[in-house]
Amino acid sequence: MTALREVNGLAGVLGIVVRDLDGRIVEERRVNNLITTAGRQVLAQLMTGAVAPGRLQIAVGGSGQPASPDDVGLHKPLDVAEASVPSLEAKAIGDGELPRVLAKVQATLPARGGGDVQELQEAGIVLSLSNEQSVLYNRVTFPPINRSGNLELTLTWEVIF
């Protein structure tokens, strides 16, 4: 008899793609993130029906302060975009592992035209709930990305449940 081994824990990886106005990729990055305590709590609330889902957004900011489980918002918010879920699938993540659910959450911050250069160093998924509460599900920091007005950012989170 084979013993079952349950895989627990949440994880996520953020992919950032920066494109110029012609659609050419200027830069690509992948960064592991931290699930906040508030993010874990809201998942439990959603599962138990204590709250209902609302809007899903991805926010970016300018603070390089390390991510903490106690984060409840970005430290220096600069921009936000509505997010979509282009895929949701159960799959084995590692060899011999039981399937986990991989959800891709994606948002694009369009080129802004003119304006000041934004120095981006943080990002997170923001869940707006039926009770009007907004929760920072996760937060990640990364080396600065200088976003001039002619650059578009596509942020894709691979969230593993």
N, C-alpha and C. Protein backbone atom coordinates (compact mmCIF):
# COMPACT_ATOMS: atom_id res chain seq x y z
N MET A 1 0.84 -1.17 0.00
CA MET A 1 0.00 0.00 0.00
C MET A 1 0.89 1.24 0.00
N THR A 2 0.60 2.14 -0.88
CA THR A 2 1.37 3.37 -0.99
C THR A 2 0.77 4.44 -0.09
N ALA A 3 1.59 5.05 0.70
CA ALA A 3 1.12 6.12 1.59
C ALA A 3 0.92 7.39 0.77
N LEU A 4 -0.18 8.03 1.01
CA LEU A 4 -0.42 9.31 0.35
C LEU A 4 0.34 10.40 1.08
N ARG A 5 0.86 11.31 0.32
CA ARG A 5 1.54 12.46 0.90
C ARG A 5 0.86 13.71 0.38
N GLU A 6 0.28 14.47 1.26
CA GLU A 6 -0.42 15.69 0.90
C GLU A 6 0.59 16.82 0.75
N VAL A 7 0.44 17.60 -0.32
CA VAL A 7 1.30 18.76 -0.53
C VAL A 7 0.54 19.98 -0.05
N ASN A 8 1.11 20.66 0.91
CA ASN A 8 0.44 21.82 1.47
C ASN A 8 1.24 23.08 1.17
N GLY A 9 0.58 24.18 1.31
CA GLY A 9 1.26 25.46 1.16
C GLY A 9 0.87 26.15 -0.13
N LEU A 10 1.00 27.44 -0.09
CA LEU A 10 0.73 28.28 -1.24
C LEU A 10 2.06 28.79 -1.75
N ALA A 11 2.14 29.06 -3.02
CA ALA A 11 3.36 29.62 -3.59
C ALA A 11 2.99 30.45 -4.80
N GLY A 12 3.91 31.25 -5.24
CA GLY A 12 3.66 32.05 -6.42
C GLY A 12 4.95 32.58 -7.01
N VAL A 13 4.92 32.75 -8.32
CA VAL A 13 6.04 33.32 -9.05
C VAL A 13 5.49 34.39 -9.98
N LEU A 14 6.10 35.57 -9.93
CA LEU A 14 5.68 36.67 -10.79
C LEU A 14 6.59 36.73 -12.01
N GLY A 15 5.98 36.77 -13.18
CA GLY A 15 6.71 37.02 -14.42
C GLY A 15 6.41 38.43 -14.87
N ILE A 16 7.45 39.20 -15.17
CA ILE A 16 7.29 40.58 -15.64
C ILE A 16 7.87 40.66 -17.04
N VAL A 17 7.07 41.18 -17.98
CA VAL A 17 7.55 41.40 -19.34
C VAL A 17 7.36 42.89 -19.64
N VAL A 18 8.46 43.56 -20.01
CA VAL A 18 8.42 44.98 -20.37
C VAL A 18 8.57 45.07 -21.88
N ARG A 19 7.62 45.79 -22.51
CA ARG A 19 7.64 45.94 -23.97
C ARG A 19 7.66 47.42 -24.35
N ASP A 20 8.30 47.71 -25.49
CA ASP A 20 8.27 49.08 -26.01
C ASP A 20 7.00 49.27 -26.85
N LEU A 21 6.83 50.44 -27.43
CA LEU A 21 5.61 50.75 -28.18
C LEU A 21 5.43 49.89 -29.42
N ASP A 22 6.52 49.29 -29.92
CA ASP A 22 6.44 48.40 -31.08
C ASP A 22 6.19 46.96 -30.68
N GLY A 23 6.02 46.71 -29.38
CA GLY A 23 5.75 45.36 -28.89
C GLY A 23 6.99 44.51 -28.67
N ARG A 24 8.16 45.10 -28.88
CA ARG A 24 9.40 44.35 -28.65
C ARG A 24 9.66 44.20 -27.15
N ILE A 25 10.12 43.03 -26.76
CA ILE A 25 10.45 42.79 -25.36
C ILE A 25 11.76 43.49 -25.02
N VAL A 26 11.70 44.36 -24.02
CA VAL A 26 12.85 45.10 -23.55
C VAL A 26 13.52 44.37 -22.38
N GLU A 27 12.68 43.74 -21.55
CA GLU A 27 13.20 43.07 -20.36
C GLU A 27 12.19 42.02 -19.90
N GLU A 28 12.71 40.93 -19.32
CA GLU A 28 11.87 39.89 -18.72
C GLU A 28 12.48 39.49 -17.38
N ARG A 29 11.58 39.23 -16.41
CA ARG A 29 12.04 38.79 -15.09
C ARG A 29 11.06 37.77 -14.53
N ARG A 30 11.57 36.93 -13.62
CA ARG A 30 10.74 36.01 -12.83
C ARG A 30 11.20 36.14 -11.38
N VAL A 31 10.23 36.33 -10.47
CA VAL A 31 10.55 36.57 -9.07
C VAL A 31 9.58 35.79 -8.19
N ASN A 32 10.11 35.07 -7.19
CA ASN A 32 9.25 34.40 -6.20
C ASN A 32 8.62 35.44 -5.29
N ASN A 33 7.44 35.14 -4.79
CA ASN A 33 6.74 36.10 -3.95
C ASN A 33 6.42 35.52 -2.59
N LEU A 34 5.87 36.36 -1.73
CA LEU A 34 5.48 35.99 -0.38
C LEU A 34 3.96 36.17 -0.25
N ILE A 35 3.26 35.16 0.24
CA ILE A 35 1.83 35.26 0.50
C ILE A 35 1.67 35.95 1.85
N THR A 36 0.87 37.00 1.91
CA THR A 36 0.69 37.72 3.16
C THR A 36 -0.24 36.95 4.10
N THR A 37 -0.17 37.27 5.37
CA THR A 37 -1.09 36.68 6.34
C THR A 37 -2.52 37.04 5.98
N ALA A 38 -2.75 38.29 5.58
CA ALA A 38 -4.09 38.72 5.17
C ALA A 38 -4.55 37.94 3.94
N GLY A 39 -3.63 37.62 3.03
CA GLY A 39 -3.97 36.83 1.85
C GLY A 39 -4.40 35.42 2.22
N ARG A 40 -3.71 34.81 3.15
CA ARG A 40 -4.07 33.47 3.62
C ARG A 40 -5.44 33.50 4.31
N GLN A 41 -5.65 34.55 5.09
CA GLN A 41 -6.92 34.68 5.81
C GLN A 41 -8.09 34.86 4.84
N VAL A 42 -7.90 35.65 3.80
CA VAL A 42 -9.00 35.88 2.86
C VAL A 42 -9.32 34.60 2.09
N LEU A 43 -8.33 33.77 1.80
CA LEU A 43 -8.63 32.49 1.15
C LEU A 43 -9.53 31.64 2.04
N ALA A 44 -9.24 31.61 3.33
CA ALA A 44 -10.09 30.87 4.27
C ALA A 44 -11.49 31.47 4.32
N GLN A 45 -11.60 32.79 4.31
CA GLN A 45 -12.91 33.44 4.31
C GLN A 45 -13.69 33.13 3.04
N LEU A 46 -13.00 33.12 1.89
CA LEU A 46 -13.67 32.79 0.63
C LEU A 46 -14.16 31.35 0.64
N MET A 47 -13.32 30.44 1.15
CA MET A 47 -13.68 29.02 1.16
C MET A 47 -14.86 28.73 2.09
N THR A 48 -14.96 29.47 3.18
CA THR A 48 -16.04 29.24 4.14
C THR A 48 -17.28 30.07 3.86
N GLY A 49 -17.22 30.91 2.83
CA GLY A 49 -18.38 31.72 2.48
C GLY A 49 -18.55 32.96 3.34
N ALA A 50 -17.56 33.29 4.15
CA ALA A 50 -17.65 34.48 5.01
C ALA A 50 -17.66 35.76 4.18
N VAL A 51 -17.02 35.73 3.00
CA VAL A 51 -17.04 36.84 2.06
C VAL A 51 -17.19 36.26 0.66
N ALA A 52 -17.58 37.10 -0.26
CA ALA A 52 -17.69 36.69 -1.67
C ALA A 52 -16.62 37.45 -2.46
N PRO A 53 -16.14 36.84 -3.55
CA PRO A 53 -15.11 37.51 -4.34
C PRO A 53 -15.67 38.74 -5.04
N GLY A 54 -14.78 39.65 -5.33
CA GLY A 54 -15.12 40.85 -6.08
C GLY A 54 -14.10 41.04 -7.18
N ARG A 55 -13.48 42.20 -7.23
CA ARG A 55 -12.50 42.51 -8.27
C ARG A 55 -11.14 41.89 -7.96
N LEU A 56 -10.39 41.65 -9.03
CA LEU A 56 -9.05 41.11 -8.95
C LEU A 56 -8.14 42.09 -9.70
N GLN A 57 -7.11 42.60 -9.03
CA GLN A 57 -6.20 43.57 -9.63
C GLN A 57 -4.75 43.20 -9.32
N ILE A 58 -3.85 43.75 -10.12
CA ILE A 58 -2.43 43.67 -9.83
C ILE A 58 -1.94 45.11 -9.69
N ALA A 59 -1.23 45.37 -8.59
CA ALA A 59 -0.72 46.71 -8.31
C ALA A 59 0.81 46.69 -8.34
N VAL A 60 1.40 47.82 -8.70
CA VAL A 60 2.85 47.97 -8.66
C VAL A 60 3.20 49.21 -7.85
N GLY A 61 4.41 49.20 -7.28
CA GLY A 61 4.83 50.33 -6.47
C GLY A 61 6.32 50.53 -6.52
N GLY A 62 6.77 51.51 -5.74
CA GLY A 62 8.16 51.93 -5.81
C GLY A 62 9.00 51.66 -4.59
N SER A 63 8.56 50.79 -3.68
CA SER A 63 9.36 50.52 -2.48
C SER A 63 10.10 49.20 -2.63
N GLY A 64 11.38 49.24 -2.32
CA GLY A 64 12.17 48.02 -2.32
C GLY A 64 12.28 47.39 -0.95
N GLN A 65 11.50 47.90 0.01
CA GLN A 65 11.52 47.32 1.36
C GLN A 65 11.10 45.85 1.26
N PRO A 66 11.85 44.94 1.90
CA PRO A 66 11.55 43.51 1.78
C PRO A 66 10.09 43.17 2.13
N ALA A 67 9.57 42.17 1.45
CA ALA A 67 8.21 41.70 1.70
C ALA A 67 8.13 41.05 3.07
N SER A 68 6.98 41.23 3.72
CA SER A 68 6.74 40.67 5.05
C SER A 68 5.35 40.05 5.09
N PRO A 69 5.17 38.98 5.85
CA PRO A 69 3.82 38.40 5.99
C PRO A 69 2.81 39.42 6.53
N ASP A 70 3.28 40.44 7.24
CA ASP A 70 2.40 41.44 7.83
C ASP A 70 2.00 42.56 6.87
N ASP A 71 2.53 42.56 5.64
CA ASP A 71 2.17 43.61 4.68
C ASP A 71 0.67 43.58 4.40
N VAL A 72 0.06 44.76 4.43
CA VAL A 72 -1.38 44.86 4.12
C VAL A 72 -1.61 45.72 2.88
N GLY A 73 -0.56 46.26 2.32
CA GLY A 73 -0.63 47.06 1.10
C GLY A 73 0.78 47.25 0.57
N LEU A 74 0.87 47.73 -0.65
CA LEU A 74 2.19 48.08 -1.17
C LEU A 74 2.70 49.26 -0.36
N HIS A 75 4.00 49.37 -0.21
CA HIS A 75 4.58 50.42 0.62
C HIS A 75 4.58 51.76 -0.08
N LYS A 76 4.66 51.76 -1.43
CA LYS A 76 4.64 52.99 -2.21
C LYS A 76 3.88 52.73 -3.51
N PRO A 77 2.52 52.62 -3.44
CA PRO A 77 1.74 52.28 -4.63
C PRO A 77 1.86 53.34 -5.73
N LEU A 78 1.99 52.87 -6.97
CA LEU A 78 2.12 53.78 -8.11
C LEU A 78 1.08 53.55 -9.19
N ASP A 79 0.66 52.31 -9.42
CA ASP A 79 -0.28 52.02 -10.50
C ASP A 79 -0.99 50.71 -10.21
N VAL A 80 -2.14 50.52 -10.83
CA VAL A 80 -2.93 49.30 -10.65
C VAL A 80 -3.67 49.01 -11.94
N ALA A 81 -3.90 47.73 -12.22
CA ALA A 81 -4.64 47.32 -13.42
C ALA A 81 -5.55 46.16 -13.08
N GLU A 82 -6.70 46.11 -13.74
CA GLU A 82 -7.62 44.98 -13.59
C GLU A 82 -6.91 43.72 -14.09
N ALA A 83 -7.13 42.62 -13.39
CA ALA A 83 -6.49 41.36 -13.74
C ALA A 83 -7.52 40.36 -14.25
N SER A 84 -7.03 39.41 -15.00
CA SER A 84 -7.85 38.30 -15.47
C SER A 84 -7.15 37.00 -15.08
N VAL A 85 -7.87 35.90 -15.24
CA VAL A 85 -7.31 34.58 -14.97
C VAL A 85 -7.35 33.81 -16.29
N PRO A 86 -6.27 33.89 -17.09
CA PRO A 86 -6.29 33.23 -18.39
C PRO A 86 -6.21 31.71 -18.34
N SER A 87 -5.76 31.14 -17.20
CA SER A 87 -5.76 29.68 -17.09
C SER A 87 -5.83 29.25 -15.64
N LEU A 88 -6.44 28.09 -15.45
CA LEU A 88 -6.58 27.46 -14.14
C LEU A 88 -6.56 25.96 -14.40
N GLU A 89 -5.53 25.28 -13.89
CA GLU A 89 -5.41 23.85 -14.19
C GLU A 89 -4.79 23.10 -13.03
N ALA A 90 -5.18 21.83 -12.90
CA ALA A 90 -4.57 20.93 -11.93
C ALA A 90 -3.45 20.19 -12.65
N LYS A 91 -2.26 20.19 -12.04
CA LYS A 91 -1.14 19.48 -12.66
C LYS A 91 -0.10 19.15 -11.61
N ALA A 92 0.69 18.13 -11.90
CA ALA A 92 1.79 17.76 -11.02
C ALA A 92 2.90 18.79 -11.23
N ILE A 93 3.34 19.41 -10.17
CA ILE A 93 4.37 20.44 -10.27
C ILE A 93 5.76 19.82 -10.27
N GLY A 94 5.98 18.77 -9.46
CA GLY A 94 7.27 18.08 -9.41
C GLY A 94 7.09 16.60 -9.71
N ASP A 95 8.18 15.89 -9.93
CA ASP A 95 8.12 14.46 -10.20
C ASP A 95 7.47 13.72 -9.03
N GLY A 96 6.50 12.88 -9.32
CA GLY A 96 5.87 12.05 -8.31
C GLY A 96 4.96 12.80 -7.35
N GLU A 97 4.74 14.07 -7.59
CA GLU A 97 3.89 14.87 -6.71
C GLU A 97 2.42 14.69 -7.07
N LEU A 98 1.58 14.82 -6.06
CA LEU A 98 0.14 14.87 -6.32
C LEU A 98 -0.15 16.17 -7.05
N PRO A 99 -1.19 16.19 -7.88
CA PRO A 99 -1.50 17.43 -8.61
C PRO A 99 -1.81 18.58 -7.66
N ARG A 100 -1.37 19.76 -8.06
CA ARG A 100 -1.71 21.00 -7.39
C ARG A 100 -2.42 21.87 -8.42
N VAL A 101 -3.06 22.91 -7.97
CA VAL A 101 -3.78 23.79 -8.89
C VAL A 101 -2.89 25.00 -9.18
N LEU A 102 -2.71 25.26 -10.47
CA LEU A 102 -1.92 26.40 -10.93
C LEU A 102 -2.87 27.39 -11.60
N ALA A 103 -2.97 28.57 -11.00
CA ALA A 103 -3.79 29.64 -11.57
C ALA A 103 -2.87 30.73 -12.09
N LYS A 104 -3.09 31.17 -13.31
CA LYS A 104 -2.33 32.31 -13.84
C LYS A 104 -3.22 33.54 -13.72
N VAL A 105 -2.69 34.56 -13.05
CA VAL A 105 -3.38 35.84 -12.88
C VAL A 105 -2.55 36.86 -13.65
N GLN A 106 -3.21 37.62 -14.56
CA GLN A 106 -2.45 38.48 -15.46
C GLN A 106 -3.09 39.86 -15.58
N ALA A 107 -2.23 40.86 -15.68
CA ALA A 107 -2.69 42.24 -15.92
C ALA A 107 -1.64 42.95 -16.76
N THR A 108 -2.09 43.90 -17.55
CA THR A 108 -1.18 44.71 -18.35
C THR A 108 -1.34 46.17 -17.95
N LEU A 109 -0.22 46.79 -17.65
CA LEU A 109 -0.17 48.22 -17.39
C LEU A 109 0.27 48.87 -18.69
N PRO A 110 -0.64 49.57 -19.37
CA PRO A 110 -0.30 50.11 -20.69
C PRO A 110 0.71 51.24 -20.60
N ALA A 111 1.34 51.54 -21.74
CA ALA A 111 2.23 52.69 -21.81
C ALA A 111 1.41 53.93 -21.44
N ARG A 112 2.02 54.83 -20.70
CA ARG A 112 1.31 55.99 -20.17
C ARG A 112 1.48 57.24 -21.03
N GLY A 113 2.25 57.14 -22.11
CA GLY A 113 2.55 58.34 -22.88
C GLY A 113 3.71 59.06 -22.21
N GLY A 114 3.55 60.33 -21.94
CA GLY A 114 4.61 61.12 -21.30
C GLY A 114 4.66 60.89 -19.82
N GLY A 115 5.19 61.89 -19.14
CA GLY A 115 5.25 61.83 -17.67
C GLY A 115 6.59 61.38 -17.15
N ASP A 116 6.68 61.41 -15.84
CA ASP A 116 7.92 61.02 -15.16
C ASP A 116 8.18 59.52 -15.29
N VAL A 117 9.43 59.16 -15.17
CA VAL A 117 9.82 57.75 -15.13
C VAL A 117 9.44 57.21 -13.76
N GLN A 118 8.77 56.06 -13.75
CA GLN A 118 8.42 55.39 -12.49
C GLN A 118 9.48 54.34 -12.20
N GLU A 119 10.01 54.35 -10.98
CA GLU A 119 10.93 53.31 -10.56
C GLU A 119 10.12 52.27 -9.79
N LEU A 120 9.87 51.13 -10.44
CA LEU A 120 9.05 50.07 -9.85
C LEU A 120 9.94 49.07 -9.14
N GLN A 121 9.54 48.69 -7.90
CA GLN A 121 10.31 47.72 -7.13
C GLN A 121 9.45 46.74 -6.36
N GLU A 122 8.12 46.85 -6.49
CA GLU A 122 7.23 45.97 -5.74
C GLU A 122 5.95 45.74 -6.54
N ALA A 123 5.29 44.62 -6.25
CA ALA A 123 4.02 44.31 -6.90
C ALA A 123 3.22 43.38 -6.00
N GLY A 124 1.92 43.31 -6.24
CA GLY A 124 1.07 42.41 -5.47
C GLY A 124 -0.29 42.25 -6.12
N ILE A 125 -0.95 41.15 -5.78
CA ILE A 125 -2.33 40.91 -6.22
C ILE A 125 -3.24 41.51 -5.14
N VAL A 126 -4.20 42.30 -5.58
CA VAL A 126 -5.16 42.92 -4.67
C VAL A 126 -6.53 42.32 -4.93
N LEU A 127 -7.13 41.75 -3.88
CA LEU A 127 -8.48 41.19 -3.97
C LEU A 127 -9.45 42.17 -3.32
N SER A 128 -10.45 42.61 -4.08
CA SER A 128 -11.51 43.45 -3.52
C SER A 128 -12.70 42.54 -3.30
N LEU A 129 -13.22 42.53 -2.08
CA LEU A 129 -14.24 41.59 -1.68
C LEU A 129 -15.62 42.22 -1.63
N SER A 130 -16.63 41.37 -1.49
CA SER A 130 -18.01 41.82 -1.46
C SER A 130 -18.32 42.73 -0.28
N ASN A 131 -17.53 42.63 0.78
CA ASN A 131 -17.76 43.47 1.96
C ASN A 131 -16.99 44.80 1.88
N GLU A 132 -16.57 45.17 0.66
CA GLU A 132 -15.85 46.42 0.38
C GLU A 132 -14.41 46.42 0.89
N GLN A 133 -13.94 45.31 1.42
CA GLN A 133 -12.57 45.21 1.92
C GLN A 133 -11.63 44.89 0.76
N SER A 134 -10.47 45.53 0.73
CA SER A 134 -9.42 45.20 -0.23
C SER A 134 -8.28 44.55 0.53
N VAL A 135 -7.76 43.45 -0.01
CA VAL A 135 -6.73 42.67 0.66
C VAL A 135 -5.55 42.47 -0.28
N LEU A 136 -4.34 42.72 0.24
CA LEU A 136 -3.13 42.41 -0.50
C LEU A 136 -2.84 40.93 -0.30
N TYR A 137 -3.08 40.12 -1.33
CA TYR A 137 -2.90 38.68 -1.24
C TYR A 137 -1.42 38.31 -1.10
N ASN A 138 -0.58 38.97 -1.88
CA ASN A 138 0.84 38.65 -1.87
C ASN A 138 1.63 39.92 -2.17
N ARG A 139 2.93 39.84 -1.96
CA ARG A 139 3.80 40.98 -2.27
C ARG A 139 5.16 40.44 -2.66
N VAL A 140 5.75 41.09 -3.63
CA VAL A 140 7.08 40.73 -4.09
C VAL A 140 7.86 42.02 -4.30
N THR A 141 9.16 41.97 -4.02
CA THR A 141 10.03 43.09 -4.36
C THR A 141 11.09 42.58 -5.33
N PHE A 142 11.63 43.50 -6.11
CA PHE A 142 12.60 43.14 -7.14
C PHE A 142 13.50 44.34 -7.41
N PRO A 143 14.66 44.12 -8.04
CA PRO A 143 15.51 45.25 -8.42
C PRO A 143 14.73 46.21 -9.31
N PRO A 144 15.02 47.49 -9.24
CA PRO A 144 14.22 48.50 -9.95
C PRO A 144 14.04 48.24 -11.44
N ILE A 145 12.83 48.52 -11.89
CA ILE A 145 12.50 48.60 -13.31
C ILE A 145 12.10 50.04 -13.55
N ASN A 146 12.82 50.73 -14.43
CA ASN A 146 12.49 52.12 -14.74
C ASN A 146 11.47 52.15 -15.87
N ARG A 147 10.24 52.48 -15.52
CA ARG A 147 9.12 52.49 -16.48
C ARG A 147 8.91 53.90 -17.01
N SER A 148 9.40 54.12 -18.21
CA SER A 148 9.14 55.41 -18.86
C SER A 148 7.76 55.36 -19.49
N GLY A 149 7.30 56.48 -19.98
CA GLY A 149 5.95 56.57 -20.53
C GLY A 149 5.71 55.74 -21.76
N ASN A 150 6.77 55.25 -22.42
CA ASN A 150 6.59 54.47 -23.64
C ASN A 150 6.74 52.97 -23.43
N LEU A 151 6.69 52.53 -22.17
CA LEU A 151 6.84 51.10 -21.88
C LEU A 151 5.55 50.53 -21.30
N GLU A 152 5.23 49.32 -21.75
CA GLU A 152 4.07 48.57 -21.26
C GLU A 152 4.58 47.41 -20.43
N LEU A 153 3.91 47.13 -19.32
CA LEU A 153 4.29 46.01 -18.46
C LEU A 153 3.17 44.98 -18.44
N THR A 154 3.52 43.73 -18.67
CA THR A 154 2.59 42.63 -18.47
C THR A 154 3.10 41.84 -17.28
N LEU A 155 2.23 41.69 -16.27
CA LEU A 155 2.59 40.96 -15.07
C LEU A 155 1.74 39.70 -15.03
N THR A 156 2.38 38.55 -14.95
CA THR A 156 1.68 37.27 -14.90
C THR A 156 2.12 36.51 -13.65
N TRP A 157 1.17 36.27 -12.78
CA TRP A 157 1.47 35.53 -11.56
C TRP A 157 1.06 34.09 -11.75
N GLU A 158 1.95 33.17 -11.46
CA GLU A 158 1.62 31.76 -11.40
C GLU A 158 1.40 31.45 -9.92
N VAL A 159 0.15 31.30 -9.53
CA VAL A 159 -0.21 31.05 -8.12
C VAL A 159 -0.47 29.56 -7.98
N ILE A 160 0.23 28.92 -7.04
CA ILE A 160 0.12 27.48 -6.86
C ILE A 160 -0.61 27.20 -5.55
N PHE A 161 -1.68 26.43 -5.66
CA PHE A 161 -2.50 26.04 -4.49
C PHE A 161 -2.30 24.57 -4.22
